[in-house]
Amino acid sequence: MCGRFIDPNLRGTEFEFADLRITPFPRRFNIKPTQEVYVLLGQELTCARWGLIPSWHKGDLKDWRASTINARIEEAATKPSFRGAWRYGRCLIPAGGYYEWTGAKSPKQPHFFASAGNEETLWFAGLLSIWNDLRTCAILTRAANDTVTPVHDRMPVILDSAERDDWLTGSDRTDVGAAYRVRHHPVARFGIEDEGKDLIEPE
């Protein structure tokens, strides 16, 4: 799964904030579910609430109890919570890295994951749903490859440039992201409210 990640560094990229219609966040190093995150819809960078709510949900926001921050790529096309977004809500969620934890008991050991290459930004495959005019999203996950399995059996679906085009144009491939290589290292333990840049430094 992916339950915490950091904002991308978009300065000097085609998504420089001076040219966008959104106000950038102060860069965050511990993004939590239900917070606003950046999402790319086609060529538009915008924001959405992390934690997908399907458009058909009839209750209030607080009434949605399902855990929909992540969607398994193997079943998202048919699962009721995600199948509408699979067909009509493809997006990309940029990240500067993400965290996973090891250990049987609390406090568990966090590990920081980033690209094994020179890419500074990870592009997660995402699903977007508009519920009561609120944009909401989920991050796709898949079975981990060998760069992740020492820490976790799942990983975000991280797309290379060709796969990003396939994903956004509606491909039903479920093998995307399987070959993406990451590196990881343990970092100092932190609490749910911690925000500092030092979170990603090796322990």
Protein backbone atom coordinates (compact mmCIF):
# COMPACT_ATOMS: atom_id res chain seq x y z
CA MET A 1 0.00 0.00 0.00
CA CYS A 2 0.97 3.65 0.04
CA GLY A 3 -0.13 5.54 3.12
CA ARG A 4 2.33 8.44 3.32
CA PHE A 5 4.28 10.30 0.64
CA ILE A 6 5.98 13.64 0.01
CA ASP A 7 5.18 16.47 -2.36
CA PRO A 8 7.12 16.60 -5.63
CA ASN A 9 9.62 19.36 -6.29
CA LEU A 10 8.15 20.92 -9.42
CA ARG A 11 10.38 23.99 -9.63
CA GLY A 12 12.11 24.23 -12.97
CA THR A 13 9.74 21.74 -14.59
CA GLU A 14 6.94 22.20 -17.11
CA PHE A 15 4.61 22.49 -14.10
CA GLU A 16 6.29 25.59 -12.65
CA PHE A 17 3.72 27.10 -10.29
CA ALA A 18 4.02 30.58 -11.77
CA ASP A 19 2.20 29.28 -14.85
CA LEU A 20 -0.53 27.40 -12.97
CA ARG A 21 -3.92 28.41 -11.65
CA ILE A 22 -3.43 26.78 -8.26
CA THR A 23 -1.66 28.01 -5.17
CA PRO A 24 1.25 25.68 -4.33
CA PHE A 25 1.47 24.02 -0.94
CA PRO A 26 4.51 24.65 1.24
CA ARG A 27 6.35 21.44 0.39
CA ARG A 28 5.14 18.65 2.68
CA PHE A 29 7.18 15.61 3.70
CA ASN A 30 4.43 13.58 5.40
CA ILE A 31 1.24 13.81 3.36
CA LYS A 32 -1.64 12.05 5.08
CA PRO A 33 -4.91 10.59 3.75
CA THR A 34 -7.74 13.16 3.40
CA GLN A 35 -5.25 15.96 2.64
CA GLU A 36 -5.22 17.76 -0.71
CA VAL A 37 -2.63 16.42 -3.16
CA TYR A 38 -1.52 17.39 -6.65
CA VAL A 39 -3.09 15.48 -9.54
CA LEU A 40 -2.43 15.71 -13.27
CA LEU A 41 -5.52 15.51 -15.49
CA GLY A 42 -4.39 15.44 -19.09
CA GLN A 43 -2.10 18.50 -19.20
CA GLU A 44 -3.73 20.26 -16.23
CA LEU A 45 -2.14 20.12 -12.79
CA THR A 46 -4.78 20.57 -10.12
CA CYS A 47 -5.60 19.27 -6.62
CA ALA A 48 -7.82 16.57 -5.13
CA ARG A 49 -8.60 15.12 -1.72
CA TRP A 50 -6.63 11.91 -1.11
CA GLY A 51 -9.24 9.26 -0.42
CA LEU A 52 -11.62 8.51 -3.26
CA ILE A 53 -15.36 8.91 -2.80
CA PRO A 54 -17.38 7.49 -5.70
CA SER A 55 -19.79 9.85 -7.40
CA TRP A 56 -22.74 7.64 -6.42
CA HIS A 57 -22.20 8.05 -2.65
CA LYS A 58 -25.41 9.58 -1.24
CA GLY A 59 -24.42 10.38 2.35
CA ASP A 60 -22.25 13.08 3.87
CA LEU A 61 -18.47 13.10 3.66
CA LYS A 62 -18.21 11.72 7.20
CA ASP A 63 -20.48 8.82 6.24
CA TRP A 64 -17.97 7.36 3.77
CA ARG A 65 -16.13 4.78 5.88
CA ALA A 66 -14.38 2.66 3.26
CA SER A 67 -10.59 2.81 2.95
CA THR A 68 -10.14 4.15 -0.57
CA ILE A 69 -6.77 5.90 -0.46
CA ASN A 70 -5.36 2.99 -2.50
CA ALA A 71 -6.88 0.82 -5.23
CA ARG A 72 -5.44 -2.53 -6.29
CA ILE A 73 -4.81 -2.38 -10.03
CA GLU A 74 -5.75 -6.06 -10.32
CA GLU A 75 -9.36 -5.37 -9.28
CA ALA A 76 -10.05 -1.64 -9.67
CA ALA A 77 -11.78 -2.05 -13.05
CA THR A 78 -14.55 -4.12 -11.48
CA LYS A 79 -14.70 -2.99 -7.84
CA PRO A 80 -17.79 -0.78 -7.29
CA SER A 81 -15.89 1.97 -5.49
CA PHE A 82 -13.39 2.37 -8.33
CA ARG A 83 -14.85 1.12 -11.61
CA GLY A 84 -16.37 4.48 -12.58
CA ALA A 85 -13.06 6.26 -12.02
CA TRP A 86 -11.23 3.47 -13.88
CA ARG A 87 -13.31 4.25 -16.97
CA TYR A 88 -13.61 8.03 -16.70
CA GLY A 89 -11.19 9.34 -14.05
CA ARG A 90 -7.63 8.42 -15.01
CA CYS A 91 -5.03 10.77 -13.52
CA LEU A 92 -1.41 10.91 -12.38
CA ILE A 93 -0.33 11.80 -8.85
CA PRO A 94 3.21 13.23 -8.65
CA ALA A 95 5.35 12.50 -5.60
CA GLY A 96 8.89 13.10 -4.44
CA GLY A 97 8.95 9.71 -2.72
CA TYR A 98 6.92 7.59 -0.32
CA TYR A 99 7.20 5.63 2.93
CA GLU A 100 6.64 2.04 4.05
CA TRP A 101 7.14 0.49 7.50
CA THR A 102 8.66 -2.72 8.83
CA GLY A 103 8.38 -4.38 12.20
CA ALA A 104 5.78 -6.42 14.02
CA LYS A 105 5.12 -3.96 16.84
CA SER A 106 4.92 -0.20 17.30
CA PRO A 107 7.01 1.84 16.90
CA LYS A 108 7.67 0.41 13.46
CA GLN A 109 10.65 1.36 11.31
CA PRO A 110 9.87 3.72 8.41
CA HIS A 111 11.69 3.42 5.09
CA PHE A 112 11.83 6.13 2.43
CA PHE A 113 11.45 5.14 -1.24
CA ALA A 114 12.62 7.16 -4.24
CA SER A 115 13.52 6.45 -7.86
CA ALA A 116 16.56 4.24 -8.39
CA GLY A 117 17.41 6.40 -11.41
CA ASN A 118 17.79 10.14 -11.78
CA GLU A 119 14.09 10.98 -11.88
CA GLU A 120 13.19 13.35 -9.06
CA THR A 121 9.44 12.91 -9.46
CA LEU A 122 7.54 9.62 -9.20
CA TRP A 123 4.32 9.53 -11.21
CA PHE A 124 1.73 7.31 -9.49
CA ALA A 125 -1.18 5.97 -11.53
CA GLY A 126 -4.27 7.49 -9.95
CA LEU A 127 -8.04 7.42 -10.11
CA LEU A 128 -10.13 10.56 -9.71
CA SER A 129 -13.79 10.87 -8.77
CA ILE A 130 -15.85 14.03 -8.43
CA TRP A 131 -18.30 13.78 -5.56
CA ASN A 132 -20.57 16.75 -4.83
CA ASP A 133 -18.13 19.04 -6.70
CA LEU A 134 -15.24 17.73 -4.57
CA ARG A 135 -12.35 16.14 -6.43
CA THR A 136 -11.16 12.98 -4.69
CA CYS A 137 -8.49 10.48 -5.68
CA ALA A 138 -6.83 7.15 -4.99
CA ILE A 139 -3.35 5.79 -5.73
CA LEU A 140 -3.13 2.51 -7.65
CA THR A 141 -0.98 -0.25 -6.11
CA ARG A 142 0.39 -3.50 -7.47
CA ALA A 143 2.44 -6.51 -6.38
CA ALA A 144 5.91 -5.33 -5.41
CA ASN A 145 8.95 -6.01 -7.57
CA ASP A 146 12.31 -7.07 -6.16
CA THR A 147 13.39 -3.52 -5.31
CA VAL A 148 10.49 -3.26 -2.83
CA THR A 149 9.88 -6.80 -1.51
CA PRO A 150 12.55 -6.60 1.24
CA VAL A 151 10.23 -4.04 2.89
CA HIS A 152 6.69 -4.62 1.58
CA ASP A 153 4.70 -6.93 -0.72
CA ARG A 154 2.86 -4.06 -2.46
CA MET A 155 4.03 -0.86 -4.14
CA PRO A 156 2.42 2.12 -5.85
CA VAL A 157 1.97 1.80 -9.59
CA ILE A 158 4.83 4.09 -10.70
CA LEU A 159 4.75 4.84 -14.42
CA ASP A 160 7.50 5.64 -16.91
CA SER A 161 6.79 8.15 -19.70
CA ALA A 162 5.35 5.59 -22.16
CA GLU A 163 3.19 3.98 -19.49
CA ARG A 164 1.86 7.37 -18.41
CA ASP A 165 0.46 7.94 -21.89
CA ASP A 166 -1.06 4.45 -21.96
CA TRP A 167 -2.65 4.94 -18.56
CA LEU A 168 -4.17 8.34 -19.32
CA THR A 169 -5.60 7.19 -22.65
CA GLY A 170 -7.54 4.34 -21.05
CA SER A 171 -5.35 1.24 -21.40
CA ASP A 172 -6.64 -1.74 -19.42
CA ARG A 173 -3.13 -3.14 -18.91
CA THR A 174 -2.54 -4.25 -15.33
CA ASP A 175 1.18 -4.89 -15.77
CA VAL A 176 2.13 -1.20 -15.87
CA GLY A 177 4.63 -0.13 -13.22
CA ALA A 178 5.91 -3.67 -12.71
CA ALA A 179 9.43 -2.87 -13.86
CA TYR A 180 9.88 0.52 -12.16
CA ARG A 181 13.03 0.45 -10.01
CA VAL A 182 13.19 2.22 -6.67
CA ARG A 183 15.74 2.51 -3.88
CA HIS A 184 15.00 2.77 -0.18
CA HIS A 185 16.66 3.42 3.16
CA PRO A 186 15.50 3.50 6.78
CA VAL A 187 14.74 6.92 8.24
CA ALA A 188 14.20 8.19 11.77
CA ARG A 189 10.85 7.25 13.30
CA PHE A 190 8.27 10.00 13.12
CA GLY A 191 4.76 10.77 14.28
CA ILE A 192 1.66 11.37 12.20
CA GLU A 193 1.91 15.14 12.64
CA ASP A 194 5.59 15.49 11.74
CA GLU A 195 6.22 17.54 8.61
CA GLY A 196 9.97 18.27 8.48
CA LYS A 197 12.36 17.63 5.60
CA ASP A 198 14.59 15.63 7.92
CA LEU A 199 12.08 12.77 7.65
CA ILE A 200 13.71 11.56 4.43
CA GLU A 201 17.29 11.58 5.73
CA PRO A 202 18.80 8.14 6.49
CA GLU A 203 18.67 7.06 10.11
